[in-house]
Structures are given as C-alpha cells and as structure tokens.
Amino acid sequence: MKTESIEARGVDYSRVFTQAIDRLHAEGRYRVFIDILRNKGMFPNARCFAGHNGPKPITVWCSNDYLAMGQHPKVIAAMEEALHDVGAGSGGTRNIGGNTHYHVDLETELADLHGKQAALLFTSGYVSNEATLSTLAKVLPGCIIYSDELNHASMIAGIRNSGCEKRVFRHNDLAHLEELLAADDAAVPKLIAFESVYSMEGDVAPVAAICDLADKYNALTYLDEVHAVGMYGARGGGISERDGVAHRLTIIEGTLGKAFGVMGGYIAADRTIVDVIRSYAPGFIFTTSLSPVLVAGVLASVRHLKQSSVERDGQQAAAATLKAMLRDAGLPVMAGETHIVPVMVGDPVKAKKISDILLAEYGVYVQPINYPTVPRGAERLRFTPGPAHSEAMMRELTDALVEIWDRLELRAAA
C-alpha cells in the first residue's frame, strides 16, 4: 500500500518555518549572533571567531556588562571560591534544593540596596518581570495595569499573561497617564509599570512625578531599574536612589546581568508582597534556582559597587566623551542624559551593513538594533561606553563611523 506524503495530508511544516525565516531576511532584520570570547581582565577586548581562520581581536562596544564587573578580580575570585566550596549547581528549585545560603545573603544585600524589607532572586531579569507582573495582577481581582509604551518585552509579556486589563500610556507622558487613571473606577486596583532608564532611547522616566500620580489615584508602582542598578545613586541603587524616591515605589525590579556583570534578576519590595510572589509565581516556583557560583559573583559585585563609585564615574565620563565626539563629527547621535549612546540609522539593511563593515574592517563590534526591539524606521546602533573604553578607542570608532557614513552616502546629522 502506497504511503501518503506529509504534504498530501496537510500542512507543509518545513515550508512554513522556512518562509518565517525568509521574511526576516527580506525585511533586513534577520539576526546574526557573533561568535565571541571575551579576554578575562582585558575588557572591552575580545576575540571573534566568525568567518576567520582562528580568533580575530575586536573591541566590544555594545555589551550590557556596563561597568566591566564581569571581569572584576573580586567577582572572579568569589565565583572560584564558591565553586570549590559548594560545587556547580543549586540542586533544583528552592522548594526542592533549599535556599543556598548565598541566595539568602544576596537577597538581604539587594533589599538593603533599595531600602526595602525583602528581595527575591530569579534566573533572569526577563523572568522576574514576567513572573511578578503576571502574578500580581492575578492576585489583585480586577486589576488594571498602566504601562509605558516603551516598556521591556518582558513587562509586556507579564501584563499579557496576567489576563488583566491594561492601559498603554505615551512614553513618559504624565498628562496621558493621568487621563487614563482618572477615567477608571477609583475602587479598582491599579498598578503603574514603567522603567527608569529606557535603554534604546537613553532617556529617564519622571519617577517622582509618577509616584505623585500613584498617590493621587491610589495605585501601586512597579519600576524596572535593569539599566540603572549599579550605575546611578550613591550605592548603585539606580535612578530611584539617585532621585531619593525608592521608598515611594511599591516594587523595584532589577537585573544582575548588566552593571553587576553576572546573571539573574530580582525584585525588592515589602515582605508580604515578596512572599506573595515567592508563593504564587510559577516562574519562580518551578525554575531551578541560580547556581551558587553565579550568586557568589553577584554578591561580590553588589557589595563592591555599594562602596565604590569609581566605575560609575568612569562610565559617565566615557559616555559624555563619546557623545561629544560623535556630535562634533556630524553623526546622528540621539539626545539622552544616560550612559546609552544610540546613533540613528533608520533602515534595517543599512544598520546591519554598518555593523558588518565595522566588524570586518575595523575590528569593532556593535550589534544593530532593529524591529521589534525598536519601531520600524527607528533602527540604530547602540553604543555602551564604559570605564574601560579609552579616548583612543573612541577616536578610532568615530573615525570609522565617519568613513562608513561617507562610503554609504548616509545623511549626516544637521
């Protein structure tokens, strides 16, 4: 008996998947991940393996290890000590494997960093946002979440998975946010979710003014500080610490994989809210906890940055210098008050082309930022200078960009 083909029976799955990838290529936003190894203790120097006979030296310009803490001797030493003390893994979820004491210590440090009663560790910033926001709204019957239109994908996922009503307000637009708050029933639970530093724009939320609106309309607040913790405030508590408003926020969320240089995410809040998330969030309950080796590294990083401002000061100086160089060269650097230095391109194919030329000809690595990370037509290169980027590196980068802009006949900044 003749066997019927898969195609004859219905869906050609292979064709559907191939077409999905082809669409990305056609739109110029197919993502290529660089094959790279960083050089310990020599950041931003690294080795690139893609398309070469052996490693090629490159300079990294787009890492979220903003302060090079992933290379810090204290962090590496703490991780090595933990590895030889307790081994590699945590043994499972915290419900099964228990609270590795490193986790307990780190949660205490993070709660103290933000002036909160408690903190809770997650495996990533994405998971902390998704798990917390989705759980909060389910615990609050009828909750409405008010979300800034430029919020992280993980926040959007959490809001969507909560099943609650949402209101999206225009980016940093206080009048629009108040209009939405005022239009809803005063008796309904409300939560305002927003970020402090928006990493693709390089701008900062009016945190205090949003807290004022939250007070006026009896709303909870949820602040994502992932691009600010470690880098702002006297002890690295983020924009909320810098602006003296951390005590006014219901929940502060952060990452351990950017300025702190390792991996993980967390929330900090009062003890009861943290206990609710710990007890109800599937993304926490059913996930193997972070390796104690990673937690030990973060613990060393957080403790160091609470005491040291050298790294923060160096980063801010580097960002200011690079922005000035790019502007003076007539390049379209976007305005912003933070450590993020975005250069507008406005076309996905050209953004990828610039990135490819920088890597192949100049040994400069910067990843193009395309849709859906940014809106279509707002494609850009996003540079993250840090304390280890020298002025000589910045001058070489600026000269390379000027040459490429001329070569590709891109319109210069006004």
Protein backbone atom coordinates (compact mmCIF):
# COMPACT_ATOMS: atom_id res chain seq x y z
CA MET A 1 0.00 0.00 0.00
CA LYS A 2 1.40 3.39 -1.01
CA THR A 3 2.26 5.68 1.90
CA GLU A 4 0.66 9.12 1.67
CA SER A 5 3.13 12.04 1.82
CA ILE A 6 3.11 14.55 4.64
CA GLU A 7 2.35 17.33 2.13
CA ALA A 8 -0.71 15.46 0.85
CA ARG A 9 -2.04 15.03 4.36
CA GLY A 10 -1.98 18.70 5.27
CA VAL A 11 0.46 21.38 6.39
CA ASP A 12 3.95 21.53 4.94
CA TYR A 13 5.63 22.43 8.23
CA SER A 14 9.11 22.80 6.75
CA ARG A 15 7.86 25.35 4.22
CA VAL A 16 6.10 27.40 6.91
CA PHE A 17 9.24 27.58 9.05
CA THR A 18 11.44 28.40 6.05
CA GLN A 19 9.09 31.20 4.99
CA ALA A 20 9.18 32.67 8.50
CA ILE A 21 12.97 32.94 8.31
CA ASP A 22 12.83 34.21 4.71
CA ARG A 23 10.57 37.08 5.82
CA LEU A 24 13.20 38.22 8.31
CA HIS A 25 15.87 38.18 5.61
CA ALA A 26 13.61 40.11 3.21
CA GLU A 27 12.95 42.78 5.84
CA GLY A 28 16.64 43.09 6.64
CA ARG A 29 16.18 42.14 10.29
CA TYR A 30 17.45 38.57 10.42
CA ARG A 31 19.66 38.46 13.49
CA VAL A 32 23.17 37.03 13.45
CA PHE A 33 24.81 36.30 16.78
CA ILE A 34 28.54 36.91 16.88
CA ASP A 35 30.89 34.04 17.80
CA ILE A 36 32.99 35.65 20.51
CA LEU A 37 35.14 35.12 23.59
CA ARG A 38 35.97 37.97 25.93
CA ASN A 39 39.52 38.26 27.27
CA LYS A 40 39.49 37.98 31.06
CA GLY A 41 40.68 41.16 32.72
CA MET A 42 41.05 43.00 29.40
CA PHE A 43 37.51 44.20 28.62
CA PRO A 44 36.48 45.62 26.12
CA ASN A 45 38.99 43.47 24.21
CA ALA A 46 37.67 40.17 22.88
CA ARG A 47 38.19 37.51 20.20
CA CYS A 48 35.84 36.96 17.27
CA PHE A 49 35.71 33.54 15.57
CA ALA A 50 33.11 34.14 12.84
CA GLY A 51 34.48 33.92 9.32
CA HIS A 52 38.14 33.84 10.32
CA ASN A 53 40.93 31.31 10.48
CA GLY A 54 41.23 31.44 14.22
CA PRO A 55 40.26 34.29 16.55
CA LYS A 56 40.46 37.91 15.42
CA PRO A 57 40.97 40.67 18.03
CA ILE A 58 37.98 43.01 18.34
CA THR A 59 36.76 45.81 20.60
CA VAL A 60 33.31 45.35 22.12
CA TRP A 61 31.08 48.45 22.07
CA CYS A 62 27.64 47.07 22.86
CA SER A 63 27.98 44.93 25.98
CA ASN A 64 25.48 45.33 28.80
CA ASP A 65 28.29 44.50 31.23
CA TYR A 66 28.31 48.26 31.60
CA LEU A 67 30.96 48.56 34.31
CA ALA A 68 33.07 45.53 33.32
CA MET A 69 32.21 43.91 36.66
CA GLY A 70 32.08 40.55 34.89
CA GLN A 71 35.85 40.93 34.66
CA HIS A 72 36.45 42.28 38.16
CA PRO A 73 39.00 40.33 40.24
CA LYS A 74 36.71 40.32 43.30
CA VAL A 75 33.87 38.80 41.30
CA ILE A 76 36.00 36.12 39.67
CA ALA A 77 37.66 35.22 42.97
CA ALA A 78 34.28 34.90 44.72
CA MET A 79 32.99 32.60 41.98
CA GLU A 80 36.08 30.42 42.11
CA GLU A 81 35.84 30.15 45.90
CA ALA A 82 32.15 29.18 45.71
CA LEU A 83 32.80 26.59 43.01
CA HIS A 84 35.38 24.83 45.16
CA ASP A 85 33.28 25.20 48.29
CA VAL A 86 29.82 24.01 47.16
CA GLY A 87 30.15 22.76 43.56
CA ALA A 88 28.49 23.92 40.36
CA GLY A 89 24.70 23.67 40.67
CA SER A 90 21.98 24.59 43.15
CA GLY A 91 20.32 21.19 43.16
CA GLY A 92 16.97 22.26 41.75
CA THR A 93 14.22 24.68 42.64
CA ARG A 94 14.49 26.37 46.01
CA ASN A 95 11.47 24.40 47.16
CA ILE A 96 13.39 21.17 46.48
CA GLY A 97 17.06 22.13 46.75
CA GLY A 98 16.60 24.61 49.58
CA ASN A 99 17.85 28.16 49.96
CA THR A 100 21.56 28.07 49.19
CA HIS A 101 22.99 30.45 51.76
CA TYR A 102 24.50 32.63 49.01
CA HIS A 103 20.92 33.32 47.84
CA VAL A 104 19.88 34.37 51.33
CA ASP A 105 22.83 36.75 51.65
CA LEU A 106 22.28 38.28 48.21
CA GLU A 107 18.59 38.88 48.80
CA THR A 108 19.48 40.66 52.04
CA GLU A 109 22.00 42.86 50.20
CA LEU A 110 19.53 43.70 47.42
CA ALA A 111 16.75 44.58 49.86
CA ASP A 112 19.20 46.87 51.66
CA LEU A 113 20.33 48.40 48.35
CA HIS A 114 16.80 49.60 47.65
CA GLY A 115 15.71 50.27 51.23
CA LYS A 116 13.10 47.51 51.13
CA GLN A 117 12.16 44.80 53.61
CA ALA A 118 12.86 41.87 51.30
CA ALA A 119 14.05 40.78 47.87
CA LEU A 120 13.58 37.72 45.68
CA LEU A 121 16.02 36.24 43.14
CA PHE A 122 15.06 34.96 39.69
CA THR A 123 17.09 33.37 36.93
CA SER A 124 16.93 36.49 34.72
CA GLY A 125 15.51 39.98 34.52
CA TYR A 126 13.04 38.73 31.91
CA VAL A 127 11.72 36.08 34.28
CA SER A 128 11.50 38.48 37.22
CA ASN A 129 9.37 40.90 35.17
CA GLU A 130 7.14 38.29 33.58
CA ALA A 131 6.60 36.27 36.76
CA THR A 132 6.00 39.23 39.06
CA LEU A 133 3.68 41.27 36.86
CA SER A 134 1.59 38.30 35.78
CA THR A 135 1.24 37.11 39.37
CA LEU A 136 0.47 40.49 40.90
CA ALA A 137 -2.47 41.17 38.62
CA LYS A 138 -3.92 37.70 39.21
CA VAL A 139 -3.76 38.19 42.97
CA LEU A 140 -5.50 41.59 42.66
CA PRO A 141 -9.00 40.91 41.25
CA GLY A 142 -10.00 43.41 38.59
CA CYS A 143 -6.54 44.99 38.50
CA ILE A 144 -5.72 47.42 35.69
CA ILE A 145 -2.06 47.87 34.70
CA TYR A 146 -0.90 51.16 33.19
CA SER A 147 2.15 50.50 31.04
CA ASP A 148 4.58 52.90 29.35
CA GLU A 149 4.54 52.24 25.61
CA LEU A 150 8.32 51.63 25.55
CA ASN A 151 8.40 49.09 28.35
CA HIS A 152 10.53 45.96 28.04
CA ALA A 153 9.15 42.95 26.19
CA SER A 154 9.30 41.00 29.45
CA MET A 155 7.00 43.53 31.13
CA ILE A 156 4.59 43.37 28.22
CA ALA A 157 4.63 39.56 28.42
CA GLY A 158 3.88 39.64 32.13
CA ILE A 159 0.99 42.03 31.68
CA ARG A 160 -0.41 39.95 28.83
CA ASN A 161 -0.07 36.70 30.78
CA SER A 162 -1.84 38.20 33.78
CA GLY A 163 -5.06 38.39 31.78
CA CYS A 164 -5.88 41.76 33.33
CA GLU A 165 -6.97 44.94 31.62
CA LYS A 166 -4.16 47.22 30.52
CA ARG A 167 -3.81 50.83 29.52
CA VAL A 168 -0.77 51.90 27.49
CA PHE A 169 0.33 55.48 28.04
CA ARG A 170 2.54 57.50 25.73
CA HIS A 171 6.20 57.35 26.65
CA ASN A 172 6.92 59.42 29.77
CA ASP A 173 3.69 61.37 29.16
CA LEU A 174 2.33 62.28 32.59
CA ALA A 175 -0.77 64.02 31.24
CA HIS A 176 -1.76 60.95 29.26
CA LEU A 177 -1.13 58.67 32.24
CA GLU A 178 -3.30 60.83 34.48
CA GLU A 179 -6.03 60.94 31.87
CA LEU A 180 -6.12 57.14 31.82
CA LEU A 181 -6.02 56.83 35.62
CA ALA A 182 -8.82 59.38 36.08
CA ALA A 183 -11.07 57.60 33.57
CA ASP A 184 -11.15 54.33 35.52
CA ASP A 185 -13.17 53.38 38.60
CA ALA A 186 -11.45 54.67 41.74
CA ALA A 187 -12.29 51.43 43.56
CA VAL A 188 -10.44 49.21 41.07
CA PRO A 189 -6.87 48.05 41.93
CA LYS A 190 -4.30 49.86 39.80
CA LEU A 191 -0.62 49.29 39.02
CA ILE A 192 1.67 51.64 37.08
CA ALA A 193 4.52 49.76 35.38
CA PHE A 194 7.45 51.69 33.92
CA GLU A 195 11.23 51.82 33.60
CA SER A 196 13.77 54.24 34.96
CA VAL A 197 16.30 54.25 32.09
CA TYR A 198 14.95 53.31 28.67
CA SER A 199 17.86 51.53 27.08
CA MET A 200 17.08 52.15 23.43
CA GLU A 201 16.31 55.86 23.83
CA GLY A 202 18.77 56.70 26.59
CA ASP A 203 16.20 58.79 28.47
CA VAL A 204 14.89 58.68 32.04
CA ALA A 205 11.39 58.44 33.46
CA PRO A 206 9.97 61.17 35.74
CA VAL A 207 9.89 58.73 38.63
CA ALA A 208 8.86 61.17 41.36
CA ALA A 209 6.03 62.61 39.27
CA ILE A 210 4.71 59.13 38.50
CA CYS A 211 4.78 58.38 42.22
CA ASP A 212 2.73 61.55 42.75
CA LEU A 213 0.09 60.25 40.35
CA ALA A 214 0.16 56.86 42.03
CA ASP A 215 -0.50 58.51 45.38
CA LYS A 216 -3.30 60.63 43.92
CA TYR A 217 -5.09 57.66 42.33
CA ASN A 218 -4.22 55.01 44.94
CA ALA A 219 -2.13 52.96 42.51
CA LEU A 220 0.77 50.62 43.14
CA THR A 221 4.04 51.25 41.30
CA TYR A 222 6.40 48.82 39.58
CA LEU A 223 9.75 50.24 38.46
CA ASP A 224 12.10 48.33 36.18
CA GLU A 225 15.63 49.55 37.02
CA VAL A 226 17.59 47.00 34.99
CA HIS A 227 19.52 49.62 33.00
CA ALA A 228 20.19 51.73 36.08
CA VAL A 229 21.05 49.50 39.05
CA GLY A 230 24.73 49.62 39.86
CA MET A 231 25.18 52.77 37.76
CA TYR A 232 23.16 55.52 39.45
CA GLY A 233 22.81 56.54 43.06
CA ALA A 234 25.48 56.78 45.74
CA ARG A 235 25.43 52.99 46.26
CA GLY A 236 24.20 51.87 42.85
CA GLY A 237 20.52 51.67 43.80
CA GLY A 238 19.50 53.16 40.46
CA ILE A 239 17.56 56.27 39.45
CA SER A 240 15.17 55.77 42.36
CA GLU A 241 18.09 56.07 44.78
CA ARG A 242 19.64 58.97 42.87
CA ASP A 243 16.35 60.86 42.98
CA GLY A 244 15.58 59.91 46.60
CA VAL A 245 12.27 58.20 45.79
CA ALA A 246 12.96 54.48 46.30
CA HIS A 247 10.81 54.46 49.45
CA ARG A 248 7.80 55.65 47.41
CA LEU A 249 7.88 52.72 44.98
CA THR A 250 5.95 49.55 45.69
CA ILE A 251 8.25 47.20 43.78
CA ILE A 252 11.69 47.76 42.29
CA GLU A 253 12.92 45.21 39.76
CA GLY A 254 16.49 44.82 38.62
CA THR A 255 18.97 42.62 36.83
CA LEU A 256 22.22 41.02 37.91
CA GLY A 257 23.49 40.55 34.34
CA LYS A 258 24.20 44.14 33.33
CA ALA A 259 26.04 46.53 35.66
CA PHE A 260 26.60 43.76 38.21
CA GLY A 261 28.21 41.70 35.46
CA VAL A 262 26.94 38.16 36.09
CA MET A 263 23.41 36.74 35.65
CA GLY A 264 19.95 36.82 37.22
CA GLY A 265 17.10 39.13 38.11
CA TYR A 266 15.27 40.20 41.25
CA ILE A 267 12.51 42.23 42.84
CA ALA A 268 12.66 44.23 46.06
CA ALA A 269 9.53 45.21 47.99
CA ASP A 270 7.87 44.83 51.36
CA ARG A 271 7.99 41.40 52.95
CA THR A 272 4.38 40.45 52.25
CA ILE A 273 4.49 41.28 48.52
CA VAL A 274 7.73 39.33 48.11
CA ASP A 275 6.17 36.39 49.93
CA VAL A 276 3.14 36.51 47.60
CA ILE A 277 5.37 36.33 44.51
CA ARG A 278 7.50 33.60 46.08
CA SER A 279 4.40 31.59 46.88
CA TYR A 280 2.31 32.12 43.74
CA ALA A 281 4.60 32.81 40.73
CA PRO A 282 5.16 29.71 38.56
CA GLY A 283 8.22 31.38 37.03
CA PHE A 284 9.83 31.29 40.45
CA ILE A 285 8.38 28.13 41.96
CA PHE A 286 9.16 25.76 39.09
CA THR A 287 12.54 27.09 37.92
CA THR A 288 15.88 25.70 39.07
CA SER A 289 17.49 28.41 41.16
CA LEU A 290 20.62 30.23 40.10
CA SER A 291 23.89 28.38 40.54
CA PRO A 292 25.51 29.40 43.83
CA VAL A 293 28.64 30.13 41.81
CA LEU A 294 26.79 32.86 39.92
CA VAL A 295 25.16 34.19 43.08
CA ALA A 296 28.53 34.41 44.83
CA GLY A 297 29.86 36.50 41.96
CA VAL A 298 26.87 38.85 42.08
CA LEU A 299 27.17 39.15 45.84
CA ALA A 300 30.77 40.32 45.49
CA SER A 301 29.76 42.74 42.73
CA VAL A 302 26.86 44.29 44.64
CA ARG A 303 28.96 44.72 47.78
CA HIS A 304 31.77 46.32 45.80
CA LEU A 305 29.54 48.78 43.93
CA LYS A 306 27.81 49.81 47.14
CA GLN A 307 31.19 51.10 48.31
CA SER A 308 32.87 52.20 45.07
CA SER A 309 31.84 54.99 42.70
CA VAL A 310 34.98 54.73 40.57
CA GLU A 311 33.26 52.52 37.99
CA ARG A 312 30.13 54.70 37.84
CA ASP A 313 32.14 57.89 37.44
CA GLY A 314 34.29 56.33 34.72
CA GLN A 315 31.24 55.19 32.80
CA GLN A 316 29.56 58.59 32.89
CA ALA A 317 32.76 60.29 31.75
CA ALA A 318 33.18 57.84 28.88
CA ALA A 319 29.58 58.29 27.72
CA ALA A 320 29.89 62.08 27.76
CA THR A 321 33.15 61.96 25.81
CA LEU A 322 31.83 59.62 23.13
CA LYS A 323 28.62 61.63 22.66
CA ALA A 324 30.66 64.79 22.20
CA MET A 325 32.99 63.13 19.67
CA LEU A 326 30.11 61.75 17.62
CA ARG A 327 28.25 65.07 17.61
CA ASP A 328 31.37 67.00 16.64
CA ALA A 329 31.84 64.59 13.73
CA GLY A 330 28.31 65.30 12.48
CA LEU A 331 27.00 61.83 13.22
CA PRO A 332 23.31 61.44 14.21
CA VAL A 333 23.78 60.58 17.88
CA MET A 334 20.44 60.67 19.68
CA ALA A 335 19.92 63.04 22.60
CA GLY A 336 19.91 61.48 26.06
CA GLU A 337 21.14 62.03 29.59
CA THR A 338 22.30 58.49 30.36
CA HIS A 339 25.17 56.14 29.62
CA ILE A 340 23.40 54.86 26.47
CA VAL A 341 24.76 56.30 23.20
CA PRO A 342 22.37 55.48 20.31
CA VAL A 343 23.22 56.51 16.74
CA MET A 344 20.20 56.68 14.45
CA VAL A 345 20.29 54.91 11.10
CA GLY A 346 16.60 54.48 10.29
CA ASP A 347 16.95 51.47 8.00
CA PRO A 348 17.46 47.82 8.99
CA VAL A 349 19.58 46.86 5.97
CA LYS A 350 21.89 49.85 6.37
CA ALA A 351 22.19 49.30 10.12
CA LYS A 352 23.28 45.71 9.50
CA LYS A 353 25.67 46.83 6.74
CA ILE A 354 27.35 49.38 9.02
CA SER A 355 27.70 46.77 11.76
CA ASP A 356 29.21 44.26 9.31
CA ILE A 357 31.76 46.76 7.98
CA LEU A 358 32.78 47.83 11.48
CA LEU A 359 33.44 44.23 12.47
CA ALA A 360 35.12 43.03 9.28
CA GLU A 361 37.27 46.08 8.52
CA TYR A 362 37.75 47.86 11.82
CA GLY A 363 37.51 45.12 14.46
CA VAL A 364 34.66 46.99 16.14
CA TYR A 365 31.67 45.05 17.43
CA VAL A 366 28.32 46.79 17.77
CA GLN A 367 25.05 44.97 17.17
CA PRO A 368 22.40 46.68 15.02
CA ILE A 369 19.10 47.28 16.84
CA ASN A 370 16.09 46.51 14.67
CA TYR A 371 12.36 45.85 14.98
CA PRO A 372 10.76 44.65 17.25
CA THR A 373 13.28 45.98 19.76
CA VAL A 374 12.69 49.44 18.29
CA PRO A 375 9.91 50.64 15.94
CA ARG A 376 10.33 50.18 12.18
CA GLY A 377 12.19 53.15 10.74
CA ALA A 378 13.99 53.76 14.05
CA GLU A 379 16.80 51.23 13.54
CA ARG A 380 20.03 52.25 15.17
CA LEU A 381 23.43 51.33 16.51
CA ARG A 382 23.59 51.35 20.30
CA PHE A 383 26.95 52.03 21.91
CA THR A 384 27.62 51.45 25.60
CA PRO A 385 30.94 53.04 26.52
CA GLY A 386 32.25 52.11 29.92
CA PRO A 387 35.12 52.91 32.25
CA ALA A 388 37.47 50.64 30.27
CA HIS A 389 36.93 52.35 26.89
CA SER A 390 39.81 54.77 26.28
CA GLU A 391 39.69 58.05 24.38
CA ALA A 392 41.88 56.46 21.72
CA MET A 393 39.28 53.73 21.23
CA MET A 394 36.56 56.37 20.96
CA ARG A 395 38.52 58.35 18.38
CA GLU A 396 39.10 55.21 16.29
CA LEU A 397 35.39 54.38 16.49
CA THR A 398 34.34 57.91 15.49
CA ASP A 399 36.72 57.98 12.53
CA ALA A 400 35.46 54.57 11.38
CA LEU A 401 31.83 55.69 11.54
CA VAL A 402 32.57 58.88 9.60
CA GLU A 403 34.30 56.86 6.85
CA ILE A 404 31.41 54.39 6.64
CA TRP A 405 28.77 57.14 6.64
CA ASP A 406 30.58 58.75 3.70
CA ARG A 407 31.03 55.45 1.90
CA LEU A 408 27.37 54.52 2.16
CA GLU A 409 26.28 58.10 1.41
CA LEU A 410 24.22 58.36 4.58
CA ARG A 411 22.79 61.71 5.51
CA ALA A 412 24.84 63.35 8.25
CA ALA A 413 23.33 64.97 11.32
CA ALA A 414 22.28 68.58 10.95
